[in-house]
Amino acid sequence: MANDALEKVRKGLREQLTPKQRRGLMHDRFVLLKRERDLNDQELLLLDGWTKNYPELGAAYRLKEDFCAIYEQSVNQRAAIAAYEAWSKAVVPEVRDAFSDLIRAFTNWQPFILNYFEHPVTNAYTESLNSLIRVMNRLGRGYSFEALRAKILFTEGAHKKSL
């Protein structure tokens, strides 16, 4: 959701740019979406240019990075809450609208999100299986529930260990 907020700021910025700059920003969007630690020297130079020339974009990128750092640096719920509150206060009015969905989601789901810091397990595996089931269902076109279930279980799902 932090990347979505950054994308909203980037898309709002397009209106102020010339067509050539728009194309450049469109091609450099992946640099903005990447984590700062994963950027190479050339990408860091591109990022520096965009963020210095467009302070709103720089603020949004910094907020995205700082939000992601909450998950990496917090060791427990208390530290995560403190980091989130500091992050929330740092959201500048120029980009607050773009980050409103993220702020609302964190506020509404806070107890469940904070459970991650006590038990660092996500539902990514379940979500990937659901995605796989949707793909198989689309490809099968007309599978009954029983057929789809069997296909998933026998190809991707639970396998019994042989003794």
N, C-alpha and C. Protein backbone atom coordinates (compact mmCIF):
# COMPACT_ATOMS: atom_id res chain seq x y z
N MET A 1 0.82 -1.19 0.00
CA MET A 1 0.00 0.00 0.00
C MET A 1 0.87 1.26 0.00
N ALA A 2 2.07 1.16 0.53
CA ALA A 2 2.97 2.32 0.51
C ALA A 2 3.37 2.62 -0.93
N ASN A 3 3.60 1.57 -1.72
CA ASN A 3 3.91 1.78 -3.14
C ASN A 3 2.72 2.38 -3.87
N ASP A 4 1.50 1.98 -3.51
CA ASP A 4 0.31 2.55 -4.14
C ASP A 4 0.23 4.05 -3.86
N ALA A 5 0.55 4.44 -2.65
CA ALA A 5 0.53 5.87 -2.29
C ALA A 5 1.58 6.63 -3.09
N LEU A 6 2.75 6.04 -3.22
CA LEU A 6 3.81 6.67 -4.02
C LEU A 6 3.36 6.81 -5.47
N GLU A 7 2.70 5.80 -5.99
CA GLU A 7 2.18 5.85 -7.35
C GLU A 7 1.15 6.98 -7.52
N LYS A 8 0.31 7.19 -6.52
CA LYS A 8 -0.67 8.29 -6.59
C LYS A 8 0.04 9.63 -6.71
N VAL A 9 1.08 9.81 -5.93
CA VAL A 9 1.84 11.06 -5.98
C VAL A 9 2.51 11.20 -7.34
N ARG A 10 3.10 10.12 -7.84
CA ARG A 10 3.78 10.16 -9.14
C ARG A 10 2.79 10.50 -10.25
N LYS A 11 1.62 9.89 -10.22
CA LYS A 11 0.61 10.15 -11.25
C LYS A 11 0.06 11.57 -11.15
N GLY A 12 -0.05 12.09 -9.94
CA GLY A 12 -0.49 13.48 -9.77
C GLY A 12 0.54 14.47 -10.29
N LEU A 13 1.79 14.09 -10.22
CA LEU A 13 2.88 14.93 -10.68
C LEU A 13 2.92 15.02 -12.21
N ARG A 14 2.43 14.00 -12.89
CA ARG A 14 2.48 13.96 -14.35
C ARG A 14 1.88 15.19 -15.00
N GLU A 15 0.82 15.74 -14.39
CA GLU A 15 0.12 16.87 -15.00
C GLU A 15 1.03 18.09 -15.13
N GLN A 16 2.04 18.21 -14.29
CA GLN A 16 2.93 19.37 -14.30
C GLN A 16 4.09 19.21 -15.28
N LEU A 17 4.24 18.04 -15.86
CA LEU A 17 5.43 17.73 -16.66
C LEU A 17 5.19 17.89 -18.15
N THR A 18 6.28 18.08 -18.88
CA THR A 18 6.21 18.08 -20.34
C THR A 18 6.06 16.63 -20.81
N PRO A 19 5.62 16.42 -22.04
CA PRO A 19 5.49 15.03 -22.53
C PRO A 19 6.78 14.22 -22.42
N LYS A 20 7.92 14.86 -22.67
CA LYS A 20 9.19 14.14 -22.58
C LYS A 20 9.48 13.74 -21.13
N GLN A 21 9.21 14.65 -20.19
CA GLN A 21 9.42 14.34 -18.78
C GLN A 21 8.46 13.25 -18.31
N ARG A 22 7.23 13.29 -18.82
CA ARG A 22 6.25 12.26 -18.46
C ARG A 22 6.74 10.87 -18.84
N ARG A 23 7.27 10.78 -20.07
CA ARG A 23 7.78 9.48 -20.52
C ARG A 23 8.95 9.03 -19.64
N GLY A 24 9.81 9.98 -19.28
CA GLY A 24 10.94 9.65 -18.40
C GLY A 24 10.47 9.16 -17.05
N LEU A 25 9.48 9.85 -16.49
CA LEU A 25 8.95 9.44 -15.19
C LEU A 25 8.25 8.09 -15.29
N MET A 26 7.58 7.85 -16.42
CA MET A 26 6.91 6.57 -16.61
C MET A 26 7.94 5.43 -16.64
N HIS A 27 9.05 5.66 -17.33
CA HIS A 27 10.07 4.61 -17.43
C HIS A 27 10.85 4.44 -16.12
N ASP A 28 10.95 5.51 -15.36
CA ASP A 28 11.70 5.46 -14.10
C ASP A 28 10.83 5.07 -12.91
N ARG A 29 9.58 4.76 -13.15
CA ARG A 29 8.69 4.43 -12.03
C ARG A 29 9.17 3.22 -11.25
N PHE A 30 9.82 2.29 -11.92
CA PHE A 30 10.29 1.09 -11.23
C PHE A 30 11.43 1.41 -10.26
N VAL A 31 12.18 2.47 -10.57
CA VAL A 31 13.22 2.93 -9.64
C VAL A 31 12.55 3.43 -8.36
N LEU A 32 11.44 4.13 -8.51
CA LEU A 32 10.72 4.66 -7.35
C LEU A 32 10.10 3.54 -6.52
N LEU A 33 9.67 2.49 -7.18
CA LEU A 33 9.01 1.39 -6.47
C LEU A 33 9.99 0.46 -5.78
N LYS A 34 11.24 0.47 -6.23
CA LYS A 34 12.26 -0.38 -5.62
C LYS A 34 12.66 0.15 -4.25
N ARG A 35 13.08 -0.74 -3.40
CA ARG A 35 13.61 -0.32 -2.10
C ARG A 35 14.97 0.35 -2.32
N GLU A 36 15.27 1.33 -1.52
CA GLU A 36 16.50 2.10 -1.69
C GLU A 36 17.74 1.21 -1.57
N ARG A 37 17.70 0.24 -0.69
CA ARG A 37 18.86 -0.64 -0.49
C ARG A 37 19.14 -1.52 -1.71
N ASP A 38 18.13 -1.69 -2.59
CA ASP A 38 18.27 -2.55 -3.76
C ASP A 38 18.67 -1.79 -5.02
N LEU A 39 18.81 -0.48 -4.94
CA LEU A 39 19.14 0.33 -6.11
C LEU A 39 20.63 0.30 -6.40
N ASN A 40 20.97 0.25 -7.69
CA ASN A 40 22.38 0.36 -8.07
C ASN A 40 22.74 1.84 -8.22
N ASP A 41 23.98 2.14 -8.56
CA ASP A 41 24.44 3.53 -8.62
C ASP A 41 23.66 4.36 -9.64
N GLN A 42 23.41 3.78 -10.80
CA GLN A 42 22.67 4.51 -11.84
C GLN A 42 21.24 4.81 -11.38
N GLU A 43 20.60 3.84 -10.76
CA GLU A 43 19.24 4.03 -10.27
C GLU A 43 19.20 5.05 -9.13
N LEU A 44 20.23 5.04 -8.28
CA LEU A 44 20.31 6.04 -7.20
C LEU A 44 20.42 7.45 -7.77
N LEU A 45 21.16 7.59 -8.86
CA LEU A 45 21.31 8.89 -9.51
C LEU A 45 19.96 9.35 -10.09
N LEU A 46 19.25 8.44 -10.74
CA LEU A 46 17.91 8.77 -11.26
C LEU A 46 16.97 9.17 -10.13
N LEU A 47 16.97 8.40 -9.07
CA LEU A 47 16.10 8.68 -7.93
C LEU A 47 16.44 10.05 -7.33
N ASP A 48 17.71 10.33 -7.20
CA ASP A 48 18.14 11.60 -6.64
C ASP A 48 17.65 12.77 -7.50
N GLY A 49 17.72 12.61 -8.81
CA GLY A 49 17.24 13.66 -9.71
C GLY A 49 15.75 13.92 -9.56
N TRP A 50 14.97 12.86 -9.53
CA TRP A 50 13.52 13.02 -9.41
C TRP A 50 13.13 13.60 -8.06
N THR A 51 13.74 13.12 -7.01
CA THR A 51 13.34 13.56 -5.67
C THR A 51 13.80 14.98 -5.36
N LYS A 52 14.94 15.40 -5.92
CA LYS A 52 15.39 16.78 -5.69
C LYS A 52 14.60 17.77 -6.53
N ASN A 53 14.24 17.40 -7.73
CA ASN A 53 13.49 18.31 -8.60
C ASN A 53 12.02 18.40 -8.23
N TYR A 54 11.50 17.36 -7.59
CA TYR A 54 10.08 17.33 -7.23
C TYR A 54 9.96 16.91 -5.77
N PRO A 55 9.95 17.90 -4.86
CA PRO A 55 9.96 17.61 -3.42
C PRO A 55 8.80 16.72 -2.95
N GLU A 56 7.63 16.86 -3.58
CA GLU A 56 6.50 15.99 -3.19
C GLU A 56 6.83 14.53 -3.44
N LEU A 57 7.44 14.27 -4.58
CA LEU A 57 7.83 12.91 -4.93
C LEU A 57 8.91 12.41 -3.96
N GLY A 58 9.83 13.29 -3.60
CA GLY A 58 10.86 12.93 -2.63
C GLY A 58 10.27 12.61 -1.27
N ALA A 59 9.30 13.41 -0.84
CA ALA A 59 8.65 13.17 0.45
C ALA A 59 7.90 11.85 0.43
N ALA A 60 7.20 11.58 -0.67
CA ALA A 60 6.44 10.32 -0.78
C ALA A 60 7.39 9.12 -0.79
N TYR A 61 8.52 9.23 -1.49
CA TYR A 61 9.48 8.13 -1.52
C TYR A 61 10.05 7.88 -0.12
N ARG A 62 10.41 8.96 0.57
CA ARG A 62 10.96 8.82 1.92
C ARG A 62 9.94 8.19 2.86
N LEU A 63 8.66 8.59 2.75
CA LEU A 63 7.62 8.00 3.59
C LEU A 63 7.44 6.52 3.29
N LYS A 64 7.51 6.16 2.01
CA LYS A 64 7.40 4.74 1.65
C LYS A 64 8.53 3.94 2.28
N GLU A 65 9.74 4.44 2.15
CA GLU A 65 10.90 3.76 2.72
C GLU A 65 10.81 3.66 4.24
N ASP A 66 10.39 4.75 4.86
CA ASP A 66 10.28 4.76 6.32
C ASP A 66 9.19 3.81 6.81
N PHE A 67 8.10 3.70 6.05
CA PHE A 67 7.04 2.78 6.44
C PHE A 67 7.54 1.33 6.35
N CYS A 68 8.24 1.01 5.29
CA CYS A 68 8.78 -0.34 5.15
C CYS A 68 9.80 -0.64 6.25
N ALA A 69 10.51 0.37 6.68
CA ALA A 69 11.51 0.19 7.74
C ALA A 69 10.87 -0.20 9.06
N ILE A 70 9.61 0.18 9.26
CA ILE A 70 8.91 -0.20 10.49
C ILE A 70 8.93 -1.72 10.63
N TYR A 71 8.67 -2.43 9.54
CA TYR A 71 8.63 -3.89 9.57
C TYR A 71 10.01 -4.50 9.75
N GLU A 72 11.02 -3.84 9.22
CA GLU A 72 12.36 -4.40 9.29
C GLU A 72 13.06 -4.12 10.61
N GLN A 73 12.76 -2.99 11.22
CA GLN A 73 13.53 -2.57 12.39
C GLN A 73 12.82 -2.80 13.72
N SER A 74 11.52 -2.97 13.69
CA SER A 74 10.79 -3.16 14.95
C SER A 74 10.91 -4.61 15.40
N VAL A 75 11.22 -4.77 16.69
CA VAL A 75 11.40 -6.12 17.22
C VAL A 75 10.18 -6.61 18.00
N ASN A 76 9.29 -5.68 18.36
CA ASN A 76 8.08 -6.08 19.08
C ASN A 76 6.96 -5.08 18.78
N GLN A 77 5.78 -5.35 19.33
CA GLN A 77 4.63 -4.50 19.04
C GLN A 77 4.83 -3.08 19.54
N ARG A 78 5.40 -2.94 20.71
CA ARG A 78 5.59 -1.60 21.29
C ARG A 78 6.49 -0.74 20.39
N ALA A 79 7.57 -1.33 19.92
CA ALA A 79 8.49 -0.60 19.04
C ALA A 79 7.81 -0.27 17.71
N ALA A 80 6.99 -1.20 17.22
CA ALA A 80 6.28 -0.96 15.96
C ALA A 80 5.27 0.17 16.10
N ILE A 81 4.55 0.21 17.21
CA ILE A 81 3.58 1.28 17.44
C ILE A 81 4.30 2.63 17.51
N ALA A 82 5.40 2.67 18.24
CA ALA A 82 6.16 3.92 18.36
C ALA A 82 6.68 4.37 16.99
N ALA A 83 7.20 3.42 16.21
CA ALA A 83 7.71 3.75 14.88
C ALA A 83 6.58 4.22 13.97
N TYR A 84 5.42 3.56 14.05
CA TYR A 84 4.29 3.98 13.22
C TYR A 84 3.80 5.37 13.60
N GLU A 85 3.71 5.64 14.89
CA GLU A 85 3.26 6.97 15.33
C GLU A 85 4.22 8.06 14.86
N ALA A 86 5.51 7.79 14.94
CA ALA A 86 6.51 8.76 14.44
C ALA A 86 6.36 8.93 12.93
N TRP A 87 6.15 7.81 12.22
CA TRP A 87 5.96 7.88 10.78
C TRP A 87 4.70 8.67 10.44
N SER A 88 3.62 8.41 11.14
CA SER A 88 2.35 9.08 10.89
C SER A 88 2.46 10.59 11.08
N LYS A 89 3.21 11.00 12.09
CA LYS A 89 3.41 12.44 12.32
C LYS A 89 4.28 13.07 11.23
N ALA A 90 5.12 12.26 10.59
CA ALA A 90 6.01 12.77 9.55
C ALA A 90 5.33 12.92 8.19
N VAL A 91 4.10 12.42 8.06
CA VAL A 91 3.39 12.53 6.78
C VAL A 91 3.02 13.99 6.56
N VAL A 92 3.62 14.59 5.54
CA VAL A 92 3.41 16.01 5.27
C VAL A 92 2.06 16.22 4.58
N PRO A 93 1.44 17.37 4.77
CA PRO A 93 0.11 17.63 4.19
C PRO A 93 0.05 17.48 2.67
N GLU A 94 1.16 17.75 1.98
CA GLU A 94 1.17 17.68 0.51
C GLU A 94 0.88 16.27 0.00
N VAL A 95 1.25 15.25 0.77
CA VAL A 95 1.05 13.87 0.31
C VAL A 95 0.10 13.08 1.20
N ARG A 96 -0.49 13.74 2.18
CA ARG A 96 -1.38 13.04 3.13
C ARG A 96 -2.53 12.34 2.41
N ASP A 97 -3.11 12.99 1.39
CA ASP A 97 -4.23 12.36 0.67
C ASP A 97 -3.80 11.05 0.01
N ALA A 98 -2.60 11.02 -0.54
CA ALA A 98 -2.11 9.81 -1.20
C ALA A 98 -1.91 8.68 -0.20
N PHE A 99 -1.51 9.01 1.01
CA PHE A 99 -1.23 8.00 2.03
C PHE A 99 -2.44 7.71 2.92
N SER A 100 -3.57 8.34 2.64
CA SER A 100 -4.74 8.18 3.51
C SER A 100 -5.24 6.73 3.56
N ASP A 101 -5.21 6.02 2.43
CA ASP A 101 -5.66 4.62 2.44
C ASP A 101 -4.76 3.76 3.33
N LEU A 102 -3.47 3.99 3.25
CA LEU A 102 -2.52 3.24 4.08
C LEU A 102 -2.72 3.55 5.55
N ILE A 103 -2.90 4.81 5.87
CA ILE A 103 -3.11 5.22 7.26
C ILE A 103 -4.41 4.62 7.80
N ARG A 104 -5.46 4.68 6.99
CA ARG A 104 -6.76 4.14 7.41
C ARG A 104 -6.67 2.62 7.60
N ALA A 105 -6.03 1.94 6.68
CA ALA A 105 -5.91 0.48 6.79
C ALA A 105 -5.12 0.09 8.03
N PHE A 106 -4.03 0.79 8.28
CA PHE A 106 -3.23 0.47 9.46
C PHE A 106 -4.03 0.74 10.73
N THR A 107 -4.76 1.84 10.75
CA THR A 107 -5.56 2.18 11.93
C THR A 107 -6.66 1.15 12.15
N ASN A 108 -7.37 0.77 11.09
CA ASN A 108 -8.48 -0.17 11.21
C ASN A 108 -8.02 -1.58 11.57
N TRP A 109 -6.88 -1.98 11.07
CA TRP A 109 -6.41 -3.36 11.25
C TRP A 109 -5.23 -3.46 12.21
N GLN A 110 -5.00 -2.42 12.98
CA GLN A 110 -3.80 -2.34 13.81
C GLN A 110 -3.54 -3.56 14.69
N PRO A 111 -4.52 -4.08 15.43
CA PRO A 111 -4.21 -5.24 16.29
C PRO A 111 -3.72 -6.45 15.48
N PHE A 112 -4.31 -6.64 14.31
CA PHE A 112 -3.95 -7.80 13.49
C PHE A 112 -2.59 -7.60 12.83
N ILE A 113 -2.34 -6.37 12.39
CA ILE A 113 -1.05 -6.06 11.78
C ILE A 113 0.07 -6.20 12.82
N LEU A 114 -0.19 -5.72 14.01
CA LEU A 114 0.84 -5.77 15.06
C LEU A 114 1.13 -7.18 15.54
N ASN A 115 0.20 -8.11 15.32
CA ASN A 115 0.47 -9.51 15.67
C ASN A 115 1.67 -10.05 14.92
N TYR A 116 1.94 -9.47 13.74
CA TYR A 116 3.09 -9.91 12.96
C TYR A 116 4.39 -9.79 13.77
N PHE A 117 4.47 -8.78 14.62
CA PHE A 117 5.71 -8.54 15.37
C PHE A 117 5.88 -9.54 16.51
N GLU A 118 4.80 -10.15 16.94
CA GLU A 118 4.89 -11.21 17.96
C GLU A 118 5.08 -12.58 17.30
N HIS A 119 4.42 -12.78 16.17
CA HIS A 119 4.50 -14.04 15.42
C HIS A 119 4.71 -13.69 13.96
N PRO A 120 5.96 -13.60 13.51
CA PRO A 120 6.24 -13.13 12.15
C PRO A 120 5.88 -14.14 11.06
N VAL A 121 4.60 -14.37 10.93
CA VAL A 121 4.08 -15.28 9.91
C VAL A 121 3.05 -14.50 9.11
N THR A 122 3.10 -14.63 7.80
CA THR A 122 2.12 -13.94 6.96
C THR A 122 1.23 -14.97 6.28
N ASN A 123 0.22 -14.49 5.60
CA ASN A 123 -0.66 -15.39 4.87
C ASN A 123 -0.28 -15.42 3.38
N ALA A 124 0.97 -15.12 3.06
CA ALA A 124 1.42 -15.09 1.67
C ALA A 124 1.24 -16.45 1.00
N TYR A 125 1.51 -17.53 1.72
CA TYR A 125 1.36 -18.86 1.15
C TYR A 125 -0.09 -19.12 0.77
N THR A 126 -1.01 -18.78 1.66
CA THR A 126 -2.44 -18.97 1.39
C THR A 126 -2.88 -18.13 0.21
N GLU A 127 -2.43 -16.88 0.16
CA GLU A 127 -2.80 -16.00 -0.94
C GLU A 127 -2.26 -16.53 -2.27
N SER A 128 -1.05 -17.07 -2.27
CA SER A 128 -0.50 -17.61 -3.52
C SER A 128 -1.28 -18.85 -3.96
N LEU A 129 -1.70 -19.68 -3.01
CA LEU A 129 -2.53 -20.83 -3.37
C LEU A 129 -3.88 -20.39 -3.93
N ASN A 130 -4.48 -19.37 -3.32
CA ASN A 130 -5.75 -18.85 -3.84
C ASN A 130 -5.59 -18.34 -5.26
N SER A 131 -4.48 -17.67 -5.52
CA SER A 131 -4.20 -17.18 -6.87
C SER A 131 -4.04 -18.34 -7.84
N LEU A 132 -3.35 -19.37 -7.41
CA LEU A 132 -3.15 -20.56 -8.24
C LEU A 132 -4.49 -21.24 -8.55
N ILE A 133 -5.36 -21.31 -7.56
CA ILE A 133 -6.68 -21.92 -7.76
C ILE A 133 -7.47 -21.11 -8.78
N ARG A 134 -7.42 -19.78 -8.68
CA ARG A 134 -8.14 -18.94 -9.64
C ARG A 134 -7.62 -19.16 -11.06
N VAL A 135 -6.31 -19.28 -11.20
CA VAL A 135 -5.72 -19.52 -12.52
C VAL A 135 -6.18 -20.86 -13.07
N MET A 136 -6.12 -21.91 -12.24
CA MET A 136 -6.57 -23.24 -12.70
C MET A 136 -8.05 -23.23 -13.07
N ASN A 137 -8.84 -22.52 -12.29
CA ASN A 137 -10.27 -22.44 -12.58
C ASN A 137 -10.51 -21.73 -13.91
N ARG A 138 -9.74 -20.67 -14.17
CA ARG A 138 -9.88 -19.95 -15.44
C ARG A 138 -9.47 -20.83 -16.61
N LEU A 139 -8.37 -21.55 -16.44
CA LEU A 139 -7.88 -22.40 -17.52
C LEU A 139 -8.80 -23.60 -17.76
N GLY A 140 -9.42 -24.10 -16.69
CA GLY A 140 -10.27 -25.27 -16.81
C GLY A 140 -11.63 -24.97 -17.42
N ARG A 141 -12.12 -23.76 -17.23
CA ARG A 141 -13.40 -23.33 -17.78
C ARG A 141 -14.49 -24.37 -17.61
N GLY A 142 -15.10 -24.34 -16.47
CA GLY A 142 -16.24 -25.21 -16.28
C GLY A 142 -15.99 -26.38 -15.35
N TYR A 143 -14.83 -26.42 -14.71
CA TYR A 143 -14.60 -27.48 -13.73
C TYR A 143 -15.66 -27.39 -12.63
N SER A 144 -16.13 -28.53 -12.19
CA SER A 144 -16.99 -28.53 -11.01
C SER A 144 -16.09 -28.29 -9.80
N PHE A 145 -16.70 -27.96 -8.67
CA PHE A 145 -15.92 -27.72 -7.46
C PHE A 145 -15.10 -28.95 -7.10
N GLU A 146 -15.73 -30.13 -7.21
CA GLU A 146 -15.03 -31.37 -6.84
C GLU A 146 -13.83 -31.61 -7.74
N ALA A 147 -14.00 -31.37 -9.04
CA ALA A 147 -12.90 -31.59 -9.98
C ALA A 147 -11.77 -30.59 -9.73
N LEU A 148 -12.12 -29.34 -9.49
CA LEU A 148 -11.11 -28.32 -9.22
C LEU A 148 -10.37 -28.64 -7.93
N ARG A 149 -11.10 -29.04 -6.90
CA ARG A 149 -10.49 -29.39 -5.62
C ARG A 149 -9.52 -30.55 -5.78
N ALA A 150 -9.95 -31.58 -6.50
CA ALA A 150 -9.09 -32.75 -6.72
C ALA A 150 -7.84 -32.36 -7.50
N LYS A 151 -8.02 -31.56 -8.53
CA LYS A 151 -6.89 -31.14 -9.34
C LYS A 151 -5.86 -30.36 -8.50
N ILE A 152 -6.35 -29.46 -7.66
CA ILE A 152 -5.45 -28.69 -6.80
C ILE A 152 -4.75 -29.60 -5.79
N LEU A 153 -5.51 -30.46 -5.14
CA LEU A 153 -4.92 -31.33 -4.11
C LEU A 153 -3.89 -32.29 -4.69
N PHE A 154 -4.16 -32.82 -5.88
CA PHE A 154 -3.24 -33.82 -6.43
C PHE A 154 -2.06 -33.21 -7.16
N THR A 155 -2.17 -31.96 -7.61
CA THR A 155 -1.03 -31.36 -8.30
C THR A 155 -0.23 -30.42 -7.41
N GLU A 156 -0.90 -29.61 -6.60
CA GLU A 156 -0.21 -28.59 -5.81
C GLU A 156 -0.36 -28.78 -4.31
N GLY A 157 -1.35 -29.51 -3.89
CA GLY A 157 -1.74 -29.51 -2.49
C GLY A 157 -1.04 -30.54 -1.64
N ALA A 158 -1.81 -31.09 -0.73
CA ALA A 158 -1.29 -32.00 0.28
C ALA A 158 -0.90 -33.34 -0.34
N HIS A 159 0.32 -33.73 -0.09
CA HIS A 159 0.80 -35.04 -0.53
C HIS A 159 1.10 -35.85 0.73
N LYS A 160 0.70 -37.10 0.72
CA LYS A 160 1.03 -37.96 1.85
C LYS A 160 2.45 -38.47 1.66
N LYS A 161 3.17 -38.49 2.75
CA LYS A 161 4.53 -39.02 2.70
C LYS A 161 4.46 -40.54 2.65
N SER A 162 5.26 -41.13 1.78
CA SER A 162 5.27 -42.59 1.71
C SER A 162 6.13 -43.14 2.84
N LEU A 163 5.66 -44.23 3.40
CA LEU A 163 6.35 -44.84 4.54
C LEU A 163 7.40 -45.80 4.11
